[in-house]
Amino acid sequence: MTTCISAPMLLKKPAGFLPMAMSFTALTIVLVHLALFGVTHETDEGAAAHVWQLLMAGQMPVMVFFMIRRLPQAPQAALWVLALQLAAALAVIAPVWLLYL
């Protein structure tokens, strides 16, 4: 008997929701920095930029683990979760790309 794994079930797993939580934390850092300091072009990036970079880079190993672990079990549901994770990451990258370049 095989069990049907759905996308909401996969989102309850740490590897399912952690990349999105990291993306939203990074977005919060960007928005707070913008609210406090505005758009600044500094020679040193500062702590906020370094934390943002760590959060964004830290998502990759979790997403790879998720793909290795969940794609063989439930391909369709896993692809939906991966699409949500990618959308969350792009939602964080967009304001940084638009405002700081």
PDB file of N, CA and C in Angstrom:
ATOM      1  N   MET A   1       0.839  -1.181   0.000  1.00  0.00           N
ATOM      2  CA  MET A   1       0.000   0.000   0.000  1.00  0.00           C
ATOM      3  C   MET A   1       0.887   1.248   0.000  1.00  0.00           C
ATOM      4  N   THR A   2       0.694   2.102  -0.978  1.00  0.00           N
ATOM      5  CA  THR A   2       1.465   3.330  -1.056  1.00  0.00           C
ATOM      6  C   THR A   2       0.655   4.479  -0.476  1.00  0.00           C
ATOM      7  N   THR A   3       1.352   5.385   0.150  1.00  0.00           N
ATOM      8  CA  THR A   3       0.671   6.544   0.716  1.00  0.00           C
ATOM      9  C   THR A   3       0.791   7.704  -0.244  1.00  0.00           C
ATOM     10  N   CYS A   4      -0.236   8.497  -0.296  1.00  0.00           N
ATOM     11  CA  CYS A   4      -0.257   9.674  -1.160  1.00  0.00           C
ATOM     12  C   CYS A   4       0.343  10.848  -0.387  1.00  0.00           C
ATOM     13  N   ILE A   5       1.434  11.370  -0.891  1.00  0.00           N
ATOM     14  CA  ILE A   5       2.096  12.500  -0.241  1.00  0.00           C
ATOM     15  C   ILE A   5       1.709  13.759  -1.008  1.00  0.00           C
ATOM     16  N   SER A   6       1.155  14.728  -0.302  1.00  0.00           N
ATOM     17  CA  SER A   6       0.730  15.969  -0.946  1.00  0.00           C
ATOM     18  C   SER A   6       1.710  17.098  -0.631  1.00  0.00           C
ATOM     19  N   ALA A   7       1.590  18.173  -1.383  1.00  0.00           N
ATOM     20  CA  ALA A   7       2.454  19.332  -1.164  1.00  0.00           C
ATOM     21  C   ALA A   7       2.282  19.906   0.242  1.00  0.00           C
ATOM     22  N   PRO A   8       1.047  20.058   0.779  1.00  0.00           N
ATOM     23  CA  PRO A   8       0.930  20.553   2.156  1.00  0.00           C
ATOM     24  C   PRO A   8       1.620  19.651   3.185  1.00  0.00           C
ATOM     25  N   MET A   9       1.618  18.349   2.931  1.00  0.00           N
ATOM     26  CA  MET A   9       2.330  17.445   3.839  1.00  0.00           C
ATOM     27  C   MET A   9       3.828  17.682   3.776  1.00  0.00           C
ATOM     28  N   LEU A  10       4.348  17.921   2.567  1.00  0.00           N
ATOM     29  CA  LEU A  10       5.786  18.171   2.422  1.00  0.00           C
ATOM     30  C   LEU A  10       6.181  19.522   3.006  1.00  0.00           C
ATOM     31  N   LEU A  11       5.260  20.477   2.985  1.00  0.00           N
ATOM     32  CA  LEU A  11       5.560  21.793   3.556  1.00  0.00           C
ATOM     33  C   LEU A  11       5.658  21.752   5.075  1.00  0.00           C
ATOM     34  N   LYS A  12       5.163  20.696   5.686  1.00  0.00           N
ATOM     35  CA  LYS A  12       5.273  20.546   7.138  1.00  0.00           C
ATOM     36  C   LYS A  12       6.622  19.971   7.548  1.00  0.00           C
ATOM     37  N   LYS A  13       7.350  19.422   6.600  1.00  0.00           N
ATOM     38  CA  LYS A  13       8.678  18.874   6.873  1.00  0.00           C
ATOM     39  C   LYS A  13       9.685  20.026   6.917  1.00  0.00           C
ATOM     40  N   PRO A  14      10.708  19.933   7.775  1.00  0.00           N
ATOM     41  CA  PRO A  14      11.686  21.027   7.884  1.00  0.00           C
ATOM     42  C   PRO A  14      12.336  21.412   6.552  1.00  0.00           C
ATOM     43  N   ALA A  15      12.695  20.433   5.738  1.00  0.00           N
ATOM     44  CA  ALA A  15      13.320  20.752   4.453  1.00  0.00           C
ATOM     45  C   ALA A  15      12.334  21.382   3.484  1.00  0.00           C
ATOM     46  N   GLY A  16      11.043  21.286   3.768  1.00  0.00           N
ATOM     47  CA  GLY A  16      10.034  21.908   2.919  1.00  0.00           C
ATOM     48  C   GLY A  16       9.810  23.367   3.255  1.00  0.00           C
ATOM     49  N   PHE A  17       9.751  23.691   4.544  1.00  0.00           N
ATOM     50  CA  PHE A  17       9.440  25.071   4.916  1.00  0.00           C
ATOM     51  C   PHE A  17      10.669  25.901   5.269  1.00  0.00           C
ATOM     52  N   LEU A  18      11.784  25.276   5.606  1.00  0.00           N
ATOM     53  CA  LEU A  18      12.953  26.032   6.042  1.00  0.00           C
ATOM     54  C   LEU A  18      13.496  26.990   4.977  1.00  0.00           C
ATOM     55  N   PRO A  19      13.627  26.591   3.700  1.00  0.00           N
ATOM     56  CA  PRO A  19      14.103  27.562   2.707  1.00  0.00           C
ATOM     57  C   PRO A  19      13.182  28.782   2.578  1.00  0.00           C
ATOM     58  N   MET A  20      11.878  28.573   2.678  1.00  0.00           N
ATOM     59  CA  MET A  20      10.958  29.710   2.594  1.00  0.00           C
ATOM     60  C   MET A  20      11.061  30.589   3.830  1.00  0.00           C
ATOM     61  N   ALA A  21      11.253  29.988   4.988  1.00  0.00           N
ATOM     62  CA  ALA A  21      11.439  30.770   6.214  1.00  0.00           C
ATOM     63  C   ALA A  21      12.727  31.585   6.127  1.00  0.00           C
ATOM     64  N   MET A  22      13.764  31.000   5.556  1.00  0.00           N
ATOM     65  CA  MET A  22      15.019  31.727   5.381  1.00  0.00           C
ATOM     66  C   MET A  22      14.841  32.880   4.392  1.00  0.00           C
ATOM     67  N   SER A  23      14.071  32.658   3.338  1.00  0.00           N
ATOM     68  CA  SER A  23      13.813  33.721   2.359  1.00  0.00           C
ATOM     69  C   SER A  23      13.050  34.876   3.002  1.00  0.00           C
ATOM     70  N   PHE A  24      12.028  34.557   3.762  1.00  0.00           N
ATOM     71  CA  PHE A  24      11.244  35.620   4.386  1.00  0.00           C
ATOM     72  C   PHE A  24      12.039  36.357   5.464  1.00  0.00           C
ATOM     73  N   THR A  25      12.944  35.647   6.137  1.00  0.00           N
ATOM     74  CA  THR A  25      13.837  36.314   7.087  1.00  0.00           C
ATOM     75  C   THR A  25      14.772  37.267   6.344  1.00  0.00           C
ATOM     76  N   ALA A  26      15.310  36.819   5.218  1.00  0.00           N
ATOM     77  CA  ALA A  26      16.183  37.680   4.419  1.00  0.00           C
ATOM     78  C   ALA A  26      15.418  38.885   3.883  1.00  0.00           C
ATOM     79  N   LEU A  27      14.172  38.684   3.472  1.00  0.00           N
ATOM     80  CA  LEU A  27      13.351  39.806   3.009  1.00  0.00           C
ATOM     81  C   LEU A  27      13.097  40.798   4.140  1.00  0.00           C
ATOM     82  N   THR A  28      12.864  40.292   5.329  1.00  0.00           N
ATOM     83  CA  THR A  28      12.668  41.169   6.487  1.00  0.00           C
ATOM     84  C   THR A  28      13.920  41.989   6.755  1.00  0.00           C
ATOM     85  N   ILE A  29      15.078  41.383   6.630  1.00  0.00           N
ATOM     86  CA  ILE A  29      16.335  42.103   6.835  1.00  0.00           C
ATOM     87  C   ILE A  29      16.465  43.233   5.811  1.00  0.00           C
ATOM     88  N   VAL A  30      16.144  42.944   4.560  1.00  0.00           N
ATOM     89  CA  VAL A  30      16.222  43.969   3.511  1.00  0.00           C
ATOM     90  C   VAL A  30      15.253  45.115   3.810  1.00  0.00           C
ATOM     91  N   LEU A  31      14.024  44.783   4.155  1.00  0.00           N
ATOM     92  CA  LEU A  31      13.021  45.820   4.404  1.00  0.00           C
ATOM     93  C   LEU A  31      13.346  46.663   5.628  1.00  0.00           C
ATOM     94  N   VAL A  32      13.840  46.032   6.685  1.00  0.00           N
ATOM     95  CA  VAL A  32      14.227  46.792   7.883  1.00  0.00           C
ATOM     96  C   VAL A  32      15.414  47.694   7.572  1.00  0.00           C
ATOM     97  N   HIS A  33      16.376  47.176   6.834  1.00  0.00           N
ATOM     98  CA  HIS A  33      17.535  48.003   6.472  1.00  0.00           C
ATOM     99  C   HIS A  33      17.106  49.184   5.606  1.00  0.00           C
ATOM    100  N   LEU A  34      16.200  48.949   4.674  1.00  0.00           N
ATOM    101  CA  LEU A  34      15.693  50.046   3.843  1.00  0.00           C
ATOM    102  C   LEU A  34      14.932  51.070   4.682  1.00  0.00           C
ATOM    103  N   ALA A  35      14.137  50.598   5.625  1.00  0.00           N
ATOM    104  CA  ALA A  35      13.357  51.509   6.470  1.00  0.00           C
ATOM    105  C   ALA A  35      14.257  52.347   7.364  1.00  0.00           C
ATOM    106  N   LEU A  36      15.327  51.759   7.864  1.00  0.00           N
ATOM    107  CA  LEU A  36      16.199  52.484   8.789  1.00  0.00           C
ATOM    108  C   LEU A  36      17.203  53.375   8.071  1.00  0.00           C
ATOM    109  N   PHE A  37      17.786  52.886   6.984  1.00  0.00           N
ATOM    110  CA  PHE A  37      18.903  53.596   6.356  1.00  0.00           C
ATOM    111  C   PHE A  37      18.641  54.042   4.928  1.00  0.00           C
ATOM    112  N   GLY A  38      17.592  53.550   4.293  1.00  0.00           N
ATOM    113  CA  GLY A  38      17.339  53.878   2.900  1.00  0.00           C
ATOM    114  C   GLY A  38      18.311  53.130   1.995  1.00  0.00           C
ATOM    115  N   VAL A  39      18.314  53.507   0.742  1.00  0.00           N
ATOM    116  CA  VAL A  39      19.225  52.886  -0.224  1.00  0.00           C
ATOM    117  C   VAL A  39      20.572  53.569  -0.100  1.00  0.00           C
ATOM    118  N   THR A  40      21.565  52.821   0.322  1.00  0.00           N
ATOM    119  CA  THR A  40      22.912  53.355   0.476  1.00  0.00           C
ATOM    120  C   THR A  40      23.888  52.494  -0.302  1.00  0.00           C
ATOM    121  N   HIS A  41      24.862  53.140  -0.900  1.00  0.00           N
ATOM    122  CA  HIS A  41      25.923  52.425  -1.607  1.00  0.00           C
ATOM    123  C   HIS A  41      27.198  52.655  -0.825  1.00  0.00           C
ATOM    124  N   GLU A  42      27.555  51.652  -0.024  1.00  0.00           N
ATOM    125  CA  GLU A  42      28.714  51.762   0.853  1.00  0.00           C
ATOM    126  C   GLU A  42      29.853  50.912   0.305  1.00  0.00           C
ATOM    127  N   THR A  43      31.070  51.246   0.727  1.00  0.00           N
ATOM    128  CA  THR A  43      32.206  50.429   0.310  1.00  0.00           C
ATOM    129  C   THR A  43      32.182  49.084   1.023  1.00  0.00           C
ATOM    130  N   ASP A  44      31.818  49.096   2.309  1.00  0.00           N
ATOM    131  CA  ASP A  44      31.647  47.851   3.050  1.00  0.00           C
ATOM    132  C   ASP A  44      30.168  47.518   3.078  1.00  0.00           C
ATOM    133  N   GLU A  45      29.841  46.282   2.798  1.00  0.00           N
ATOM    134  CA  GLU A  45      28.439  45.899   2.688  1.00  0.00           C
ATOM    135  C   GLU A  45      27.692  45.991   4.006  1.00  0.00           C
ATOM    136  N   GLY A  46      28.335  45.688   5.102  1.00  0.00           N
ATOM    137  CA  GLY A  46      27.678  45.750   6.393  1.00  0.00           C
ATOM    138  C   GLY A  46      27.123  44.397   6.825  1.00  0.00           C
ATOM    139  N   ALA A  47      26.700  44.354   8.075  1.00  0.00           N
ATOM    140  CA  ALA A  47      26.231  43.099   8.668  1.00  0.00           C
ATOM    141  C   ALA A  47      24.939  42.613   8.024  1.00  0.00           C
ATOM    142  N   ALA A  48      24.033  43.525   7.706  1.00  0.00           N
ATOM    143  CA  ALA A  48      22.755  43.117   7.111  1.00  0.00           C
ATOM    144  C   ALA A  48      22.977  42.397   5.786  1.00  0.00           C
ATOM    145  N   ALA A  49      23.875  42.897   4.980  1.00  0.00           N
ATOM    146  CA  ALA A  49      24.154  42.259   3.685  1.00  0.00           C
ATOM    147  C   ALA A  49      24.795  40.886   3.878  1.00  0.00           C
ATOM    148  N   HIS A  50      25.668  40.778   4.857  1.00  0.00           N
ATOM    149  CA  HIS A  50      26.320  39.490   5.096  1.00  0.00           C
ATOM    150  C   HIS A  50      25.326  38.451   5.610  1.00  0.00           C
ATOM    151  N   VAL A  51      24.432  38.851   6.491  1.00  0.00           N
ATOM    152  CA  VAL A  51      23.409  37.926   6.984  1.00  0.00           C
ATOM    153  C   VAL A  51      22.487  37.522   5.831  1.00  0.00           C
ATOM    154  N   TRP A  52      22.125  38.488   4.987  1.00  0.00           N
ATOM    155  CA  TRP A  52      21.290  38.190   3.819  1.00  0.00           C
ATOM    156  C   TRP A  52      21.970  37.152   2.932  1.00  0.00           C
ATOM    157  N   GLN A  53      23.257  37.345   2.670  1.00  0.00           N
ATOM    158  CA  GLN A  53      23.998  36.422   1.821  1.00  0.00           C
ATOM    159  C   GLN A  53      24.063  35.029   2.436  1.00  0.00           C
ATOM    160  N   LEU A  54      24.275  34.956   3.742  1.00  0.00           N
ATOM    161  CA  LEU A  54      24.323  33.661   4.410  1.00  0.00           C
ATOM    162  C   LEU A  54      22.973  32.951   4.353  1.00  0.00           C
ATOM    163  N   LEU A  55      21.900  33.701   4.552  1.00  0.00           N
ATOM    164  CA  LEU A  55      20.569  33.101   4.485  1.00  0.00           C
ATOM    165  C   LEU A  55      20.263  32.589   3.081  1.00  0.00           C
ATOM    166  N   MET A  56      20.595  33.371   2.077  1.00  0.00           N
ATOM    167  CA  MET A  56      20.295  32.958   0.710  1.00  0.00           C
ATOM    168  C   MET A  56      21.164  31.765   0.288  1.00  0.00           C
ATOM    169  N   ALA A  57      22.430  31.784   0.645  1.00  0.00           N
ATOM    170  CA  ALA A  57      23.311  30.665   0.291  1.00  0.00           C
ATOM    171  C   ALA A  57      22.980  29.425   1.118  1.00  0.00           C
ATOM    172  N   GLY A  58      22.547  29.613   2.341  1.00  0.00           N
ATOM    173  CA  GLY A  58      22.213  28.488   3.205  1.00  0.00           C
ATOM    174  C   GLY A  58      20.991  27.715   2.743  1.00  0.00           C
ATOM    175  N   GLN A  59      20.172  28.326   1.924  1.00  0.00           N
ATOM    176  CA  GLN A  59      18.990  27.627   1.399  1.00  0.00           C
ATOM    177  C   GLN A  59      19.360  26.517   0.431  1.00  0.00           C
ATOM    178  N   MET A  60      20.432  26.704  -0.290  1.00  0.00           N
ATOM    179  CA  MET A  60      20.773  25.765  -1.364  1.00  0.00           C
ATOM    180  C   MET A  60      20.983  24.338  -0.853  1.00  0.00           C
ATOM    181  N   PRO A  61      21.781  24.104   0.193  1.00  0.00           N
ATOM    182  CA  PRO A  61      21.946  22.721   0.653  1.00  0.00           C
ATOM    183  C   PRO A  61      20.630  22.104   1.138  1.00  0.00           C
ATOM    184  N   VAL A  62      19.781  22.909   1.747  1.00  0.00           N
ATOM    185  CA  VAL A  62      18.495  22.397   2.228  1.00  0.00           C
ATOM    186  C   VAL A  62      17.612  22.027   1.044  1.00  0.00           C
ATOM    187  N   MET A  63      17.610  22.849   0.010  1.00  0.00           N
ATOM    188  CA  MET A  63      16.805  22.556  -1.176  1.00  0.00           C
ATOM    189  C   MET A  63      17.334  21.317  -1.905  1.00  0.00           C
ATOM    190  N   VAL A  64      18.643  21.162  -1.975  1.00  0.00           N
ATOM    191  CA  VAL A  64      19.220  19.977  -2.614  1.00  0.00           C
ATOM    192  C   VAL A  64      18.855  18.726  -1.814  1.00  0.00           C
ATOM    193  N   PHE A  65      18.953  18.808  -0.493  1.00  0.00           N
ATOM    194  CA  PHE A  65      18.540  17.685   0.344  1.00  0.00           C
ATOM    195  C   PHE A  65      17.074  17.348   0.104  1.00  0.00           C
ATOM    196  N   PHE A  66      16.227  18.366   0.025  1.00  0.00           N
ATOM    197  CA  PHE A  66      14.809  18.156  -0.220  1.00  0.00           C
ATOM    198  C   PHE A  66      14.588  17.450  -1.554  1.00  0.00           C
ATOM    199  N   MET A  67      15.305  17.897  -2.582  1.00  0.00           N
ATOM    200  CA  MET A  67      15.155  17.266  -3.903  1.00  0.00           C
ATOM    201  C   MET A  67      15.585  15.809  -3.876  1.00  0.00           C
ATOM    202  N   ILE A  68      16.710  15.534  -3.249  1.00  0.00           N
ATOM    203  CA  ILE A  68      17.213  14.160  -3.201  1.00  0.00           C
ATOM    204  C   ILE A  68      16.265  13.268  -2.413  1.00  0.00           C
ATOM    205  N   ARG A  69      15.744  13.793  -1.330  1.00  0.00           N
ATOM    206  CA  ARG A  69      14.907  12.997  -0.428  1.00  0.00           C
ATOM    207  C   ARG A  69      13.474  12.835  -0.934  1.00  0.00           C
ATOM    208  N   ARG A  70      12.876  13.901  -1.459  1.00  0.00           N
ATOM    209  CA  ARG A  70      11.441  13.891  -1.727  1.00  0.00           C
ATOM    210  C   ARG A  70      11.048  13.708  -3.191  1.00  0.00           C
ATOM    211  N   LEU A  71      11.899  14.073  -4.138  1.00  0.00           N
ATOM    212  CA  LEU A  71      11.520  13.906  -5.545  1.00  0.00           C
ATOM    213  C   LEU A  71      11.230  12.455  -5.923  1.00  0.00           C
ATOM    214  N   PRO A  72      12.032  11.486  -5.476  1.00  0.00           N
ATOM    215  CA  PRO A  72      11.693  10.099  -5.825  1.00  0.00           C
ATOM    216  C   PRO A  72      10.388   9.614  -5.171  1.00  0.00           C
ATOM    217  N   GLN A  73      10.076  10.122  -3.987  1.00  0.00           N
ATOM    218  CA  GLN A  73       8.873   9.678  -3.274  1.00  0.00           C
ATOM    219  C   GLN A  73       7.597  10.253  -3.868  1.00  0.00           C
ATOM    220  N   ALA A  74       7.599  11.554  -4.100  1.00  0.00           N
ATOM    221  CA  ALA A  74       6.393  12.249  -4.569  1.00  0.00           C
ATOM    222  C   ALA A  74       6.805  13.343  -5.539  1.00  0.00           C
ATOM    223  N   PRO A  75       7.036  13.005  -6.792  1.00  0.00           N
ATOM    224  CA  PRO A  75       7.573  13.989  -7.740  1.00  0.00           C
ATOM    225  C   PRO A  75       6.695  15.223  -7.931  1.00  0.00           C
ATOM    226  N   GLN A  76       5.406  15.042  -8.105  1.00  0.00           N
ATOM    227  CA  GLN A  76       4.542  16.189  -8.379  1.00  0.00           C
ATOM    228  C   GLN A  76       4.454  17.123  -7.170  1.00  0.00           C
ATOM    229  N   ALA A  77       4.244  16.585  -6.002  1.00  0.00           N
ATOM    230  CA  ALA A  77       4.155  17.402  -4.797  1.00  0.00           C
ATOM    231  C   ALA A  77       5.490  18.081  -4.504  1.00  0.00           C
ATOM    232  N   ALA A  78       6.588  17.356  -4.699  1.00  0.00           N
ATOM    233  CA  ALA A  78       7.906  17.930  -4.447  1.00  0.00           C
ATOM    234  C   ALA A  78       8.209  19.073  -5.412  1.00  0.00           C
ATOM    235  N   LEU A  79       7.788  18.941  -6.663  1.00  0.00           N
ATOM    236  CA  LEU A  79       8.007  20.025  -7.623  1.00  0.00           C
ATOM    237  C   LEU A  79       7.210  21.271  -7.253  1.00  0.00           C
ATOM    238  N   TRP A  80       6.000  21.098  -6.715  1.00  0.00           N
ATOM    239  CA  TRP A  80       5.226  22.255  -6.247  1.00  0.00           C
ATOM    240  C   TRP A  80       5.935  22.960  -5.099  1.00  0.00           C
ATOM    241  N   VAL A  81       6.454  22.181  -4.167  1.00  0.00           N
ATOM    242  CA  VAL A  81       7.160  22.774  -3.024  1.00  0.00           C
ATOM    243  C   VAL A  81       8.434  23.466  -3.499  1.00  0.00           C
ATOM    244  N   LEU A  82       9.159  22.840  -4.425  1.00  0.00           N
ATOM    245  CA  LEU A  82      10.363  23.471  -4.969  1.00  0.00           C
ATOM    246  C   LEU A  82      10.029  24.760  -5.706  1.00  0.00           C
ATOM    247  N   ALA A  83       8.910  24.789  -6.407  1.00  0.00           N
ATOM    248  CA  ALA A  83       8.483  26.017  -7.085  1.00  0.00           C
ATOM    249  C   ALA A  83       8.180  27.112  -6.069  1.00  0.00           C
ATOM    250  N   LEU A  84       7.551  26.765  -4.959  1.00  0.00           N
ATOM    251  CA  LEU A  84       7.291  27.755  -3.903  1.00  0.00           C
ATOM    252  C   LEU A  84       8.588  28.260  -3.294  1.00  0.00           C
ATOM    253  N   GLN A  85       9.529  27.348  -3.065  1.00  0.00           N
ATOM    254  CA  GLN A  85      10.819  27.746  -2.511  1.00  0.00           C
ATOM    255  C   GLN A  85      11.560  28.682  -3.466  1.00  0.00           C
ATOM    256  N   LEU A  86      11.528  28.369  -4.742  1.00  0.00           N
ATOM    257  CA  LEU A  86      12.180  29.216  -5.742  1.00  0.00           C
ATOM    258  C   LEU A  86      11.496  30.575  -5.838  1.00  0.00           C
ATOM    259  N   ALA A  87      10.180  30.597  -5.799  1.00  0.00           N
ATOM    260  CA  ALA A  87       9.445  31.865  -5.844  1.00  0.00           C
ATOM    261  C   ALA A  87       9.777  32.730  -4.635  1.00  0.00           C
ATOM    262  N   ALA A  88       9.892  32.120  -3.471  1.00  0.00           N
ATOM    263  CA  ALA A  88      10.248  32.878  -2.270  1.00  0.00           C
ATOM    264  C   ALA A  88      11.656  33.457  -2.402  1.00  0.00           C
ATOM    265  N   ALA A  89      12.587  32.671  -2.928  1.00  0.00           N
ATOM    266  CA  ALA A  89      13.959  33.167  -3.111  1.00  0.00           C
ATOM    267  C   ALA A  89      14.002  34.310  -4.124  1.00  0.00           C
ATOM    268  N   LEU A  90      13.258  34.175  -5.213  1.00  0.00           N
ATOM    269  CA  LEU A  90      13.233  35.253  -6.217  1.00  0.00           C
ATOM    270  C   LEU A  90      12.565  36.512  -5.679  1.00  0.00           C
ATOM    271  N   ALA A  91      11.585  36.346  -4.797  1.00  0.00           N
ATOM    272  CA  ALA A  91      10.929  37.504  -4.187  1.00  0.00           C
ATOM    273  C   ALA A  91      11.891  38.278  -3.297  1.00  0.00           C
ATOM    274  N   VAL A  92      12.901  37.622  -2.777  1.00  0.00           N
ATOM    275  CA  VAL A  92      13.901  38.298  -1.947  1.00  0.00           C
ATOM    276  C   VAL A  92      14.999  38.905  -2.811  1.00  0.00           C
ATOM    277  N   ILE A  93      15.358  38.233  -3.868  1.00  0.00           N
ATOM    278  CA  ILE A  93      16.437  38.723  -4.731  1.00  0.00           C
ATOM    279  C   ILE A  93      15.986  39.950  -5.522  1.00  0.00           C
ATOM    280  N   ALA A  94      14.734  40.000  -5.920  1.00  0.00           N
ATOM    281  CA  ALA A  94      14.229  41.085  -6.766  1.00  0.00           C
ATOM    282  C   ALA A  94      14.441  42.470  -6.166  1.00  0.00           C
ATOM    283  N   PRO A  95      14.042  42.735  -4.909  1.00  0.00           N
ATOM    284  CA  PRO A  95      14.239  44.096  -4.401  1.00  0.00           C
ATOM    285  C   PRO A  95      15.718  44.461  -4.267  1.00  0.00           C
ATOM    286  N   VAL A  96      16.539  43.496  -3.911  1.00  0.00           N
ATOM    287  CA  VAL A  96      17.972  43.789  -3.801  1.00  0.00           C
ATOM    288  C   VAL A  96      18.538  44.123  -5.164  1.00  0.00           C
ATOM    289  N   TRP A  97      18.161  43.356  -6.164  1.00  0.00           N
ATOM    290  CA  TRP A  97      18.649  43.602  -7.518  1.00  0.00           C
ATOM    291  C   TRP A  97      18.156  44.947  -8.045  1.00  0.00           C
ATOM    292  N   LEU A  98      16.885  45.250  -7.793  1.00  0.00           N
ATOM    293  CA  LEU A  98      16.317  46.494  -8.304  1.00  0.00           C
ATOM    294  C   LEU A  98      16.842  47.729  -7.586  1.00  0.00           C
ATOM    295  N   LEU A  99      17.054  47.642  -6.292  1.00  0.00           N
ATOM    296  CA  LEU A  99      17.423  48.825  -5.516  1.00  0.00           C
ATOM    297  C   LEU A  99      18.919  49.079  -5.431  1.00  0.00           C
ATOM    298  N   TYR A 100      19.710  48.042  -5.485  1.00  0.00           N
ATOM    299  CA  TYR A 100      21.135  48.240  -5.228  1.00  0.00           C
ATOM    300  C   TYR A 100      22.015  48.166  -6.451  1.00  0.00           C
ATOM    301  N   LEU A 101      21.458  47.926  -7.604  1.00  0.00           N
ATOM    302  CA  LEU A 101      22.315  47.904  -8.800  1.00  0.00           C
ATOM    303  C   LEU A 101      22.234  49.191  -9.562  1.00  0.00           C
TER     304      LEU A 101
END
